[in-house]
Amino acid sequence: MKAYWIAHVDVADAEQYTQYTSRAPAAFAKFGGRFLARGGRSIALEGGPARARNVVIEFDSYEQAVACYESAEYQVARAHREGVAQAHIIIVEGVV
């Protein structure tokens, strides 16, 4: 069953954030992740203001999505996001 990373991100330092965005896609690819939404227009209809960036990444399974997050490759990328962006990331299992 497919699973999805849903990330809401506010970026404080766009230049430094590119250090994250240049590294993270390799981890996503290794675990079969496919971007369904990355940035682009958004509107918050409930629950507060929209974040600057909203990202949805599809994986073939919940296990792959979790393994990607826990991978050494992603953790290296994530370290470059620390201090330059605030992220709220969840993994949710899809429906049949």
C-alpha atoms as a PDB file:
ATOM      1  CA  MET A   1       0.000   0.000   0.000  1.00  0.00           C
ATOM      2  CA  LYS A   2       1.364   3.397  -0.950  1.00  0.00           C
ATOM      3  CA  ALA A   3       2.469   5.930   1.643  1.00  0.00           C
ATOM      4  CA  TYR A   4       3.083   9.645   1.518  1.00  0.00           C
ATOM      5  CA  TRP A   5       5.433  12.108   3.137  1.00  0.00           C
ATOM      6  CA  ILE A   6       3.568  15.322   3.759  1.00  0.00           C
ATOM      7  CA  ALA A   7       5.850  18.194   4.654  1.00  0.00           C
ATOM      8  CA  HIS A   8       5.036  21.778   5.536  1.00  0.00           C
ATOM      9  CA  VAL A   9       8.146  23.943   5.643  1.00  0.00           C
ATOM     10  CA  ASP A  10       9.003  27.534   6.473  1.00  0.00           C
ATOM     11  CA  VAL A  11      12.413  28.529   5.141  1.00  0.00           C
ATOM     12  CA  ALA A  12      14.402  31.232   6.936  1.00  0.00           C
ATOM     13  CA  ASP A  13      17.538  31.094   4.761  1.00  0.00           C
ATOM     14  CA  ALA A  14      16.751  30.148   1.158  1.00  0.00           C
ATOM     15  CA  GLU A  15      20.392  30.078   0.074  1.00  0.00           C
ATOM     16  CA  GLN A  16      21.438  27.657   2.819  1.00  0.00           C
ATOM     17  CA  TYR A  17      18.255  25.607   2.298  1.00  0.00           C
ATOM     18  CA  THR A  18      19.551  24.678  -1.159  1.00  0.00           C
ATOM     19  CA  GLN A  19      22.148  22.539   0.642  1.00  0.00           C
ATOM     20  CA  TYR A  20      19.209  20.408   1.821  1.00  0.00           C
ATOM     21  CA  THR A  21      17.264  20.447  -1.464  1.00  0.00           C
ATOM     22  CA  SER A  22      20.339  19.418  -3.441  1.00  0.00           C
ATOM     23  CA  ARG A  23      20.948  16.351  -1.224  1.00  0.00           C
ATOM     24  CA  ALA A  24      17.523  15.063  -0.174  1.00  0.00           C
ATOM     25  CA  PRO A  25      16.281  13.940  -3.635  1.00  0.00           C
ATOM     26  CA  ALA A  26      18.982  11.240  -3.784  1.00  0.00           C
ATOM     27  CA  ALA A  27      17.546   9.664  -0.626  1.00  0.00           C
ATOM     28  CA  PHE A  28      14.005   9.894  -2.004  1.00  0.00           C
ATOM     29  CA  ALA A  29      15.082   8.238  -5.268  1.00  0.00           C
ATOM     30  CA  LYS A  30      16.929   5.455  -3.451  1.00  0.00           C
ATOM     31  CA  PHE A  31      13.694   4.498  -1.690  1.00  0.00           C
ATOM     32  CA  GLY A  32      11.431   4.981  -4.702  1.00  0.00           C
ATOM     33  CA  GLY A  33      10.008   8.351  -3.658  1.00  0.00           C
ATOM     34  CA  ARG A  34       8.218  10.411  -6.296  1.00  0.00           C
ATOM     35  CA  PHE A  35       7.339  14.072  -5.862  1.00  0.00           C
ATOM     36  CA  LEU A  36       3.628  14.748  -6.293  1.00  0.00           C
ATOM     37  CA  ALA A  37       3.775  18.333  -5.043  1.00  0.00           C
ATOM     38  CA  ARG A  38       6.782  20.506  -4.310  1.00  0.00           C
ATOM     39  CA  GLY A  39       6.264  24.154  -3.528  1.00  0.00           C
ATOM     40  CA  GLY A  40       3.766  25.775  -5.840  1.00  0.00           C
ATOM     41  CA  ARG A  41       0.667  27.710  -4.923  1.00  0.00           C
ATOM     42  CA  SER A  42      -1.266  26.759  -1.799  1.00  0.00           C
ATOM     43  CA  ILE A  43      -3.997  28.140   0.390  1.00  0.00           C
ATOM     44  CA  ALA A  44      -4.718  27.316   4.017  1.00  0.00           C
ATOM     45  CA  LEU A  45      -8.442  26.842   4.429  1.00  0.00           C
ATOM     46  CA  GLU A  46      -8.406  25.737   8.083  1.00  0.00           C
ATOM     47  CA  GLY A  47      -5.939  25.464  10.930  1.00  0.00           C
ATOM     48  CA  GLY A  48      -3.824  28.556  10.530  1.00  0.00           C
ATOM     49  CA  PRO A  49      -1.612  30.123   7.890  1.00  0.00           C
ATOM     50  CA  ALA A  50      -0.093  28.085   5.070  1.00  0.00           C
ATOM     51  CA  ARG A  51       3.596  27.312   5.277  1.00  0.00           C
ATOM     52  CA  ALA A  52       5.942  28.685   2.647  1.00  0.00           C
ATOM     53  CA  ARG A  53       6.554  25.250   1.084  1.00  0.00           C
ATOM     54  CA  ASN A  54       4.272  22.240   0.993  1.00  0.00           C
ATOM     55  CA  VAL A  55       5.612  18.939  -0.317  1.00  0.00           C
ATOM     56  CA  VAL A  56       4.005  15.555  -0.975  1.00  0.00           C
ATOM     57  CA  ILE A  57       6.197  12.561  -1.838  1.00  0.00           C
ATOM     58  CA  GLU A  58       4.723   9.177  -2.760  1.00  0.00           C
ATOM     59  CA  PHE A  59       6.380   5.876  -1.838  1.00  0.00           C
ATOM     60  CA  ASP A  60       5.333   2.346  -2.768  1.00  0.00           C
ATOM     61  CA  SER A  61       4.986   1.377   0.901  1.00  0.00           C
ATOM     62  CA  TYR A  62       4.874   2.787   4.399  1.00  0.00           C
ATOM     63  CA  GLU A  63       8.050   0.859   5.218  1.00  0.00           C
ATOM     64  CA  GLN A  64       9.942   2.484   2.342  1.00  0.00           C
ATOM     65  CA  ALA A  65       8.798   5.930   3.423  1.00  0.00           C
ATOM     66  CA  VAL A  66       9.978   5.369   7.004  1.00  0.00           C
ATOM     67  CA  ALA A  67      13.233   3.751   5.837  1.00  0.00           C
ATOM     68  CA  CYS A  68      13.931   6.787   3.659  1.00  0.00           C
ATOM     69  CA  TYR A  69      13.516   9.162   6.593  1.00  0.00           C
ATOM     70  CA  GLU A  70      15.722   7.013   8.811  1.00  0.00           C
ATOM     71  CA  SER A  71      18.401   6.487   6.148  1.00  0.00           C
ATOM     72  CA  ALA A  72      21.899   7.864   6.490  1.00  0.00           C
ATOM     73  CA  GLU A  73      21.464   9.684   3.174  1.00  0.00           C
ATOM     74  CA  TYR A  74      18.399  11.566   4.336  1.00  0.00           C
ATOM     75  CA  GLN A  75      19.827  12.346   7.755  1.00  0.00           C
ATOM     76  CA  VAL A  76      22.855  13.969   6.103  1.00  0.00           C
ATOM     77  CA  ALA A  77      20.515  16.118   3.995  1.00  0.00           C
ATOM     78  CA  ARG A  78      18.332  16.880   7.022  1.00  0.00           C
ATOM     79  CA  ALA A  79      21.353  18.180   8.933  1.00  0.00           C
ATOM     80  CA  HIS A  80      21.672  20.910   6.277  1.00  0.00           C
ATOM     81  CA  ARG A  81      18.058  21.956   6.916  1.00  0.00           C
ATOM     82  CA  GLU A  82      18.580  22.391  10.660  1.00  0.00           C
ATOM     83  CA  GLY A  83      18.629  26.018  11.713  1.00  0.00           C
ATOM     84  CA  VAL A  84      17.559  27.353   8.305  1.00  0.00           C
ATOM     85  CA  ALA A  85      14.036  25.941   8.062  1.00  0.00           C
ATOM     86  CA  GLN A  86      11.258  24.665  10.290  1.00  0.00           C
ATOM     87  CA  ALA A  87       9.552  21.546   8.979  1.00  0.00           C
ATOM     88  CA  HIS A  88       6.507  19.570  10.017  1.00  0.00           C
ATOM     89  CA  ILE A  89       6.791  16.151   8.340  1.00  0.00           C
ATOM     90  CA  ILE A  90       4.385  13.255   8.640  1.00  0.00           C
ATOM     91  CA  ILE A  91       4.185   9.908   6.902  1.00  0.00           C
ATOM     92  CA  VAL A  92       0.700   8.647   6.157  1.00  0.00           C
ATOM     93  CA  GLU A  93      -0.352   5.330   4.692  1.00  0.00           C
ATOM     94  CA  GLY A  94      -2.587   5.541   1.640  1.00  0.00           C
ATOM     95  CA  VAL A  95      -5.856   3.742   1.035  1.00  0.00           C
ATOM     96  CA  VAL A  96      -6.477   0.839  -1.268  1.00  0.00           C
END
